[in-house]
Amino acid sequence: MKTASKSDQRFWDRLAAKYASQPISDQETYEQKLAITRKYLTPKSSVFEFGCGTGSTALLHAPYVDYILATDLAQNMLDVGRVKAAEADIQNVDFQRIGIEEFDPDGHSFDVVLGLNILHLCRDPEAVTKKVHALLKPGGYFIQSTVCLKDGFSLLRFLIPAMKLAGKAPHVTFLSKTDLDRLLDEAGFEQVESFYPDKKGITAHFIVARKR
């Protein structure tokens, strides 16, 4: 399985302070995604999130579940999350610096896995999707949001590699919605709910998929 590079890790570490200070660009859509997610959470839920960033979403879901393990490659992002958790006195979210590719569950499985705006940043999204399937309990849910840049954003195929060479962008895997559907199906998921905001510009496909 291809793993993230040190350059990707450094990119997100550098971005942490700026990322943490930026407001959510589309609060209405964000709230809708939170509401959809909570339909699949229970007070007994054990949740794994990969690519959690500064942990903002994990902390908002924390009151609705038993436990969340929030993971990311960028230590600086996780440090922000830990401060937020302490300030809010949230004690059922643990932060761990690791990529999902290297994560060893040590026999543990989860009710829900969250992969929000991260699958297209993975170097091997097919292998990651299969890893998610293995992490879930039977009938568990993979709740993900993925930007499909193959669909109508051809200019970015040239722009992003140039930005990456200049250190201004991380690795990006160009996926289509068809690719995403195939990845989920071949990994052993059935889609139970989806949401695609009717907005201008780049938006993400938000999908709830159940482990078959």
C-alpha atoms as a PDB file:
ATOM      1  CA  MET A   1       0.000   0.000   0.000  1.00  0.00           C
ATOM      2  CA  LYS A   2       1.391   3.416  -0.949  1.00  0.00           C
ATOM      3  CA  THR A   3       1.770   5.694   2.065  1.00  0.00           C
ATOM      4  CA  ALA A   4       1.969   9.455   2.443  1.00  0.00           C
ATOM      5  CA  SER A   5       5.369  11.038   1.956  1.00  0.00           C
ATOM      6  CA  LYS A   6       7.345  13.163   4.397  1.00  0.00           C
ATOM      7  CA  SER A   7       6.712  16.132   2.105  1.00  0.00           C
ATOM      8  CA  ASP A   8       2.957  15.679   2.522  1.00  0.00           C
ATOM      9  CA  GLN A   9       3.385  15.559   6.286  1.00  0.00           C
ATOM     10  CA  ARG A  10       5.507  18.717   6.257  1.00  0.00           C
ATOM     11  CA  PHE A  11       2.953  20.471   4.033  1.00  0.00           C
ATOM     12  CA  TRP A  12       0.104  19.872   6.497  1.00  0.00           C
ATOM     13  CA  ASP A  13       2.276  20.694   9.507  1.00  0.00           C
ATOM     14  CA  ARG A  14       3.133  24.070   7.956  1.00  0.00           C
ATOM     15  CA  LEU A  15      -0.519  24.716   7.186  1.00  0.00           C
ATOM     16  CA  ALA A  16      -1.845  23.891  10.669  1.00  0.00           C
ATOM     17  CA  ALA A  17      -1.988  27.393  12.166  1.00  0.00           C
ATOM     18  CA  LYS A  18      -3.576  28.921   9.063  1.00  0.00           C
ATOM     19  CA  TYR A  19      -5.975  25.977   8.707  1.00  0.00           C
ATOM     20  CA  ALA A  20      -7.085  26.277  12.336  1.00  0.00           C
ATOM     21  CA  SER A  21      -7.766  30.017  12.027  1.00  0.00           C
ATOM     22  CA  GLN A  22      -9.893  29.842   8.883  1.00  0.00           C
ATOM     23  CA  PRO A  23     -13.689  29.827   9.249  1.00  0.00           C
ATOM     24  CA  ILE A  24     -15.731  27.104   7.573  1.00  0.00           C
ATOM     25  CA  SER A  25     -16.392  28.257   4.021  1.00  0.00           C
ATOM     26  CA  ASP A  26     -19.926  26.861   3.781  1.00  0.00           C
ATOM     27  CA  GLN A  27     -21.444  26.533   7.237  1.00  0.00           C
ATOM     28  CA  GLU A  28     -24.869  25.456   5.945  1.00  0.00           C
ATOM     29  CA  THR A  29     -23.452  22.479   4.026  1.00  0.00           C
ATOM     30  CA  TYR A  30     -21.209  21.576   6.956  1.00  0.00           C
ATOM     31  CA  GLU A  31     -24.195  21.495   9.316  1.00  0.00           C
ATOM     32  CA  GLN A  32     -26.084  19.273   6.887  1.00  0.00           C
ATOM     33  CA  LYS A  33     -23.195  16.807   6.825  1.00  0.00           C
ATOM     34  CA  LEU A  34     -23.016  16.795  10.614  1.00  0.00           C
ATOM     35  CA  ALA A  35     -26.736  16.049  10.809  1.00  0.00           C
ATOM     36  CA  ILE A  36     -26.514  13.193   8.307  1.00  0.00           C
ATOM     37  CA  THR A  37     -23.560  11.676  10.163  1.00  0.00           C
ATOM     38  CA  ARG A  38     -25.342  11.751  13.514  1.00  0.00           C
ATOM     39  CA  LYS A  39     -28.121   9.573  12.157  1.00  0.00           C
ATOM     40  CA  TYR A  40     -25.564   6.744  12.165  1.00  0.00           C
ATOM     41  CA  LEU A  41     -24.049   7.446  15.590  1.00  0.00           C
ATOM     42  CA  THR A  42     -25.216   6.060  18.923  1.00  0.00           C
ATOM     43  CA  PRO A  43     -24.042   6.588  22.517  1.00  0.00           C
ATOM     44  CA  LYS A  44     -22.284   3.220  22.220  1.00  0.00           C
ATOM     45  CA  SER A  45     -20.499   3.975  18.939  1.00  0.00           C
ATOM     46  CA  SER A  46     -16.757   3.495  18.627  1.00  0.00           C
ATOM     47  CA  VAL A  47     -15.486   5.800  15.865  1.00  0.00           C
ATOM     48  CA  PHE A  48     -12.224   5.987  13.915  1.00  0.00           C
ATOM     49  CA  GLU A  49     -11.419   9.111  11.896  1.00  0.00           C
ATOM     50  CA  PHE A  50      -8.468   9.347   9.523  1.00  0.00           C
ATOM     51  CA  GLY A  51      -7.228  12.673   8.227  1.00  0.00           C
ATOM     52  CA  CYS A  52      -8.925  14.450  11.122  1.00  0.00           C
ATOM     53  CA  GLY A  53      -6.909  17.666  10.766  1.00  0.00           C
ATOM     54  CA  THR A  54      -7.410  19.842  13.842  1.00  0.00           C
ATOM     55  CA  GLY A  55     -10.172  17.556  15.084  1.00  0.00           C
ATOM     56  CA  SER A  56     -13.020  20.046  14.829  1.00  0.00           C
ATOM     57  CA  THR A  57     -15.536  17.559  13.410  1.00  0.00           C
ATOM     58  CA  ALA A  58     -14.520  14.788  15.804  1.00  0.00           C
ATOM     59  CA  LEU A  59     -15.032  17.110  18.758  1.00  0.00           C
ATOM     60  CA  LEU A  60     -18.489  18.121  17.531  1.00  0.00           C
ATOM     61  CA  HIS A  61     -19.502  14.467  17.253  1.00  0.00           C
ATOM     62  CA  ALA A  62     -17.983  13.491  20.604  1.00  0.00           C
ATOM     63  CA  PRO A  63     -21.147  14.087  22.691  1.00  0.00           C
ATOM     64  CA  TYR A  64     -23.058  11.601  20.501  1.00  0.00           C
ATOM     65  CA  VAL A  65     -20.698   8.607  20.792  1.00  0.00           C
ATOM     66  CA  ASP A  66     -18.758   6.540  23.285  1.00  0.00           C
ATOM     67  CA  TYR A  67     -15.285   7.065  21.860  1.00  0.00           C
ATOM     68  CA  ILE A  68     -13.430   8.579  18.884  1.00  0.00           C
ATOM     69  CA  LEU A  69      -9.884   7.831  17.793  1.00  0.00           C
ATOM     70  CA  ALA A  70      -8.914  10.775  15.586  1.00  0.00           C
ATOM     71  CA  THR A  71      -5.780  10.316  13.486  1.00  0.00           C
ATOM     72  CA  ASP A  72      -3.713  12.483  11.186  1.00  0.00           C
ATOM     73  CA  LEU A  73      -0.189  12.683   9.776  1.00  0.00           C
ATOM     74  CA  ALA A  74       0.413  16.260  10.915  1.00  0.00           C
ATOM     75  CA  GLN A  75       1.498  16.639  14.544  1.00  0.00           C
ATOM     76  CA  ASN A  76       0.802  20.373  14.484  1.00  0.00           C
ATOM     77  CA  MET A  77      -2.800  19.717  13.441  1.00  0.00           C
ATOM     78  CA  LEU A  78      -3.248  17.220  16.266  1.00  0.00           C
ATOM     79  CA  ASP A  79      -1.746  19.626  18.807  1.00  0.00           C
ATOM     80  CA  VAL A  80      -4.462  22.134  17.933  1.00  0.00           C
ATOM     81  CA  GLY A  81      -7.080  19.399  18.362  1.00  0.00           C
ATOM     82  CA  ARG A  82      -5.780  18.456  21.789  1.00  0.00           C
ATOM     83  CA  VAL A  83      -5.962  22.073  22.942  1.00  0.00           C
ATOM     84  CA  LYS A  84      -9.540  22.361  21.651  1.00  0.00           C
ATOM     85  CA  ALA A  85     -10.520  19.156  23.430  1.00  0.00           C
ATOM     86  CA  ALA A  86      -8.993  20.329  26.713  1.00  0.00           C
ATOM     87  CA  GLU A  87     -10.693  23.727  26.471  1.00  0.00           C
ATOM     88  CA  ALA A  88     -14.065  22.060  25.857  1.00  0.00           C
ATOM     89  CA  ASP A  89     -13.414  19.380  28.524  1.00  0.00           C
ATOM     90  CA  ILE A  90     -14.002  16.629  25.961  1.00  0.00           C
ATOM     91  CA  GLN A  91     -12.470  13.410  27.243  1.00  0.00           C
ATOM     92  CA  ASN A  92     -13.695  10.734  24.834  1.00  0.00           C
ATOM     93  CA  VAL A  93     -11.568  11.782  21.841  1.00  0.00           C
ATOM     94  CA  ASP A  94      -7.991  10.523  21.543  1.00  0.00           C
ATOM     95  CA  PHE A  95      -5.592  11.943  18.956  1.00  0.00           C
ATOM     96  CA  GLN A  96      -2.874   9.840  17.321  1.00  0.00           C
ATOM     97  CA  ARG A  97      -0.312  10.789  14.691  1.00  0.00           C
ATOM     98  CA  ILE A  98      -0.451   8.019  12.129  1.00  0.00           C
ATOM     99  CA  GLY A  99      -1.660   7.417   8.590  1.00  0.00           C
ATOM    100  CA  ILE A 100      -4.474   4.958   8.069  1.00  0.00           C
ATOM    101  CA  GLU A 101      -2.111   2.936   5.894  1.00  0.00           C
ATOM    102  CA  GLU A 102       0.162   2.186   8.893  1.00  0.00           C
ATOM    103  CA  PHE A 103      -2.548   2.035  11.553  1.00  0.00           C
ATOM    104  CA  ASP A 104      -2.688  -1.277  13.409  1.00  0.00           C
ATOM    105  CA  PRO A 105      -6.061  -1.795  15.128  1.00  0.00           C
ATOM    106  CA  ASP A 106      -4.592  -4.602  17.248  1.00  0.00           C
ATOM    107  CA  GLY A 107      -7.769  -6.644  16.908  1.00  0.00           C
ATOM    108  CA  HIS A 108     -10.113  -3.733  17.586  1.00  0.00           C
ATOM    109  CA  SER A 109     -12.928  -2.821  15.192  1.00  0.00           C
ATOM    110  CA  PHE A 110     -15.156   0.215  14.881  1.00  0.00           C
ATOM    111  CA  ASP A 111     -18.825   0.977  14.387  1.00  0.00           C
ATOM    112  CA  VAL A 112     -18.119   4.008  12.189  1.00  0.00           C
ATOM    113  CA  VAL A 113     -15.119   5.224  10.195  1.00  0.00           C
ATOM    114  CA  LEU A 114     -14.978   8.871   9.114  1.00  0.00           C
ATOM    115  CA  GLY A 115     -12.891   9.920   6.105  1.00  0.00           C
ATOM    116  CA  LEU A 116     -13.827  13.527   5.446  1.00  0.00           C
ATOM    117  CA  ASN A 117     -12.179  15.330   2.533  1.00  0.00           C
ATOM    118  CA  ILE A 118      -9.252  12.937   2.692  1.00  0.00           C
ATOM    119  CA  LEU A 119      -9.647   9.984   0.290  1.00  0.00           C
ATOM    120  CA  HIS A 120      -8.569  12.062  -2.727  1.00  0.00           C
ATOM    121  CA  LEU A 121      -5.444  13.066  -0.788  1.00  0.00           C
ATOM    122  CA  CYS A 122      -4.398   9.439  -0.297  1.00  0.00           C
ATOM    123  CA  ARG A 123      -1.819   7.939  -2.644  1.00  0.00           C
ATOM    124  CA  ASP A 124      -3.691   4.623  -2.829  1.00  0.00           C
ATOM    125  CA  PRO A 125      -7.409   5.321  -2.265  1.00  0.00           C
ATOM    126  CA  GLU A 126      -8.333   1.792  -3.355  1.00  0.00           C
ATOM    127  CA  ALA A 127      -6.180   0.200  -0.660  1.00  0.00           C
ATOM    128  CA  VAL A 128      -7.342   2.744   1.913  1.00  0.00           C
ATOM    129  CA  THR A 129     -10.996   1.979   1.168  1.00  0.00           C
ATOM    130  CA  LYS A 130     -10.302  -1.727   1.663  1.00  0.00           C
ATOM    131  CA  LYS A 131      -8.496  -0.939   4.925  1.00  0.00           C
ATOM    132  CA  VAL A 132     -11.564   0.986   6.113  1.00  0.00           C
ATOM    133  CA  HIS A 133     -13.705  -2.060   5.344  1.00  0.00           C
ATOM    134  CA  ALA A 134     -11.369  -4.228   7.447  1.00  0.00           C
ATOM    135  CA  LEU A 135     -11.522  -1.767  10.358  1.00  0.00           C
ATOM    136  CA  LEU A 136     -15.318  -1.840  10.544  1.00  0.00           C
ATOM    137  CA  LYS A 137     -17.548  -4.213  12.444  1.00  0.00           C
ATOM    138  CA  PRO A 138     -20.085  -6.152  10.322  1.00  0.00           C
ATOM    139  CA  GLY A 139     -22.734  -3.673   9.196  1.00  0.00           C
ATOM    140  CA  GLY A 140     -20.559  -0.717  10.225  1.00  0.00           C
ATOM    141  CA  TYR A 141     -20.576   2.580   8.361  1.00  0.00           C
ATOM    142  CA  PHE A 142     -17.952   4.381   6.310  1.00  0.00           C
ATOM    143  CA  ILE A 143     -18.941   8.044   6.168  1.00  0.00           C
ATOM    144  CA  GLN A 144     -16.823   9.916   3.660  1.00  0.00           C
ATOM    145  CA  SER A 145     -16.607  13.110   1.684  1.00  0.00           C
ATOM    146  CA  THR A 146     -14.482  13.110  -1.469  1.00  0.00           C
ATOM    147  CA  VAL A 147     -13.703  15.773  -4.043  1.00  0.00           C
ATOM    148  CA  CYS A 148     -13.891  14.207  -7.520  1.00  0.00           C
ATOM    149  CA  LEU A 149     -11.559  16.387  -9.539  1.00  0.00           C
ATOM    150  CA  LYS A 150     -11.794  14.270 -12.673  1.00  0.00           C
ATOM    151  CA  ASP A 151     -15.330  15.557 -13.159  1.00  0.00           C
ATOM    152  CA  GLY A 152     -15.063  18.940 -14.819  1.00  0.00           C
ATOM    153  CA  PHE A 153     -11.842  20.339 -13.356  1.00  0.00           C
ATOM    154  CA  SER A 154      -9.318  19.371 -16.038  1.00  0.00           C
ATOM    155  CA  LEU A 155      -7.224  22.543 -15.566  1.00  0.00           C
ATOM    156  CA  LEU A 156      -6.349  21.403 -12.061  1.00  0.00           C
ATOM    157  CA  ARG A 157      -4.605  18.320 -13.472  1.00  0.00           C
ATOM    158  CA  PHE A 158      -1.885  20.678 -14.693  1.00  0.00           C
ATOM    159  CA  LEU A 159      -2.075  23.283 -11.924  1.00  0.00           C
ATOM    160  CA  ILE A 160      -1.851  20.997  -8.875  1.00  0.00           C
ATOM    161  CA  PRO A 161       1.344  19.138  -9.953  1.00  0.00           C
ATOM    162  CA  ALA A 162       3.014  22.503 -10.565  1.00  0.00           C
ATOM    163  CA  MET A 163       1.889  23.760  -7.146  1.00  0.00           C
ATOM    164  CA  LYS A 164       3.158  20.547  -5.561  1.00  0.00           C
ATOM    165  CA  LEU A 165       6.619  21.051  -7.069  1.00  0.00           C
ATOM    166  CA  ALA A 166       6.625  24.518  -5.532  1.00  0.00           C
ATOM    167  CA  GLY A 167       5.564  23.153  -2.152  1.00  0.00           C
ATOM    168  CA  LYS A 168       2.172  24.818  -2.411  1.00  0.00           C
ATOM    169  CA  ALA A 169       0.035  21.670  -2.618  1.00  0.00           C
ATOM    170  CA  PRO A 170       0.045  18.113  -1.256  1.00  0.00           C
ATOM    171  CA  HIS A 171      -0.403  14.929  -3.242  1.00  0.00           C
ATOM    172  CA  VAL A 172      -3.834  14.744  -4.902  1.00  0.00           C
ATOM    173  CA  THR A 173      -5.378  11.682  -6.549  1.00  0.00           C
ATOM    174  CA  PHE A 174      -7.764  12.610  -9.333  1.00  0.00           C
ATOM    175  CA  LEU A 175     -10.978  10.622  -8.972  1.00  0.00           C
ATOM    176  CA  SER A 176     -14.353  10.730 -10.700  1.00  0.00           C
ATOM    177  CA  LYS A 177     -17.667   9.935  -9.038  1.00  0.00           C
ATOM    178  CA  THR A 178     -17.633   6.718 -11.079  1.00  0.00           C
ATOM    179  CA  ASP A 179     -14.206   5.882  -9.630  1.00  0.00           C
ATOM    180  CA  LEU A 180     -15.483   6.558  -6.127  1.00  0.00           C
ATOM    181  CA  ASP A 181     -18.543   4.363  -6.601  1.00  0.00           C
ATOM    182  CA  ARG A 182     -16.328   1.558  -7.918  1.00  0.00           C
ATOM    183  CA  LEU A 183     -13.901   1.819  -5.000  1.00  0.00           C
ATOM    184  CA  LEU A 184     -16.721   1.511  -2.491  1.00  0.00           C
ATOM    185  CA  ASP A 185     -18.396  -1.365  -4.312  1.00  0.00           C
ATOM    186  CA  GLU A 186     -15.216  -3.372  -4.858  1.00  0.00           C
ATOM    187  CA  ALA A 187     -14.164  -2.897  -1.226  1.00  0.00           C
ATOM    188  CA  GLY A 188     -17.451  -4.420  -0.073  1.00  0.00           C
ATOM    189  CA  PHE A 189     -19.690  -1.440   0.687  1.00  0.00           C
ATOM    190  CA  GLU A 190     -23.259  -0.578  -0.235  1.00  0.00           C
ATOM    191  CA  GLN A 191     -24.209   3.087  -0.377  1.00  0.00           C
ATOM    192  CA  VAL A 192     -27.142   3.954   1.867  1.00  0.00           C
ATOM    193  CA  GLU A 193     -27.201   7.746   1.647  1.00  0.00           C
ATOM    194  CA  SER A 194     -25.503  10.469  -0.346  1.00  0.00           C
ATOM    195  CA  PHE A 195     -25.447  14.242  -0.448  1.00  0.00           C
ATOM    196  CA  TYR A 196     -23.993  16.466  -3.142  1.00  0.00           C
ATOM    197  CA  PRO A 197     -24.398  20.190  -2.425  1.00  0.00           C
ATOM    198  CA  ASP A 198     -25.878  22.203  -5.282  1.00  0.00           C
ATOM    199  CA  LYS A 199     -23.141  24.814  -5.131  1.00  0.00           C
ATOM    200  CA  LYS A 200     -20.861  26.527  -7.622  1.00  0.00           C
ATOM    201  CA  GLY A 201     -17.207  25.575  -7.678  1.00  0.00           C
ATOM    202  CA  ILE A 202     -15.528  22.502  -6.252  1.00  0.00           C
ATOM    203  CA  THR A 203     -17.746  20.446  -3.980  1.00  0.00           C
ATOM    204  CA  ALA A 204     -17.418  17.000  -2.456  1.00  0.00           C
ATOM    205  CA  HIS A 205     -19.548  13.886  -2.704  1.00  0.00           C
ATOM    206  CA  PHE A 206     -20.713  13.021   0.811  1.00  0.00           C
ATOM    207  CA  ILE A 207     -21.617   9.312   1.027  1.00  0.00           C
ATOM    208  CA  VAL A 208     -22.668   6.990   3.823  1.00  0.00           C
ATOM    209  CA  ALA A 209     -21.722   3.405   2.929  1.00  0.00           C
ATOM    210  CA  ARG A 210     -22.449   0.274   4.942  1.00  0.00           C
ATOM    211  CA  LYS A 211     -20.108  -2.705   5.167  1.00  0.00           C
ATOM    212  CA  ARG A 212     -21.661  -5.675   3.418  1.00  0.00           C
END
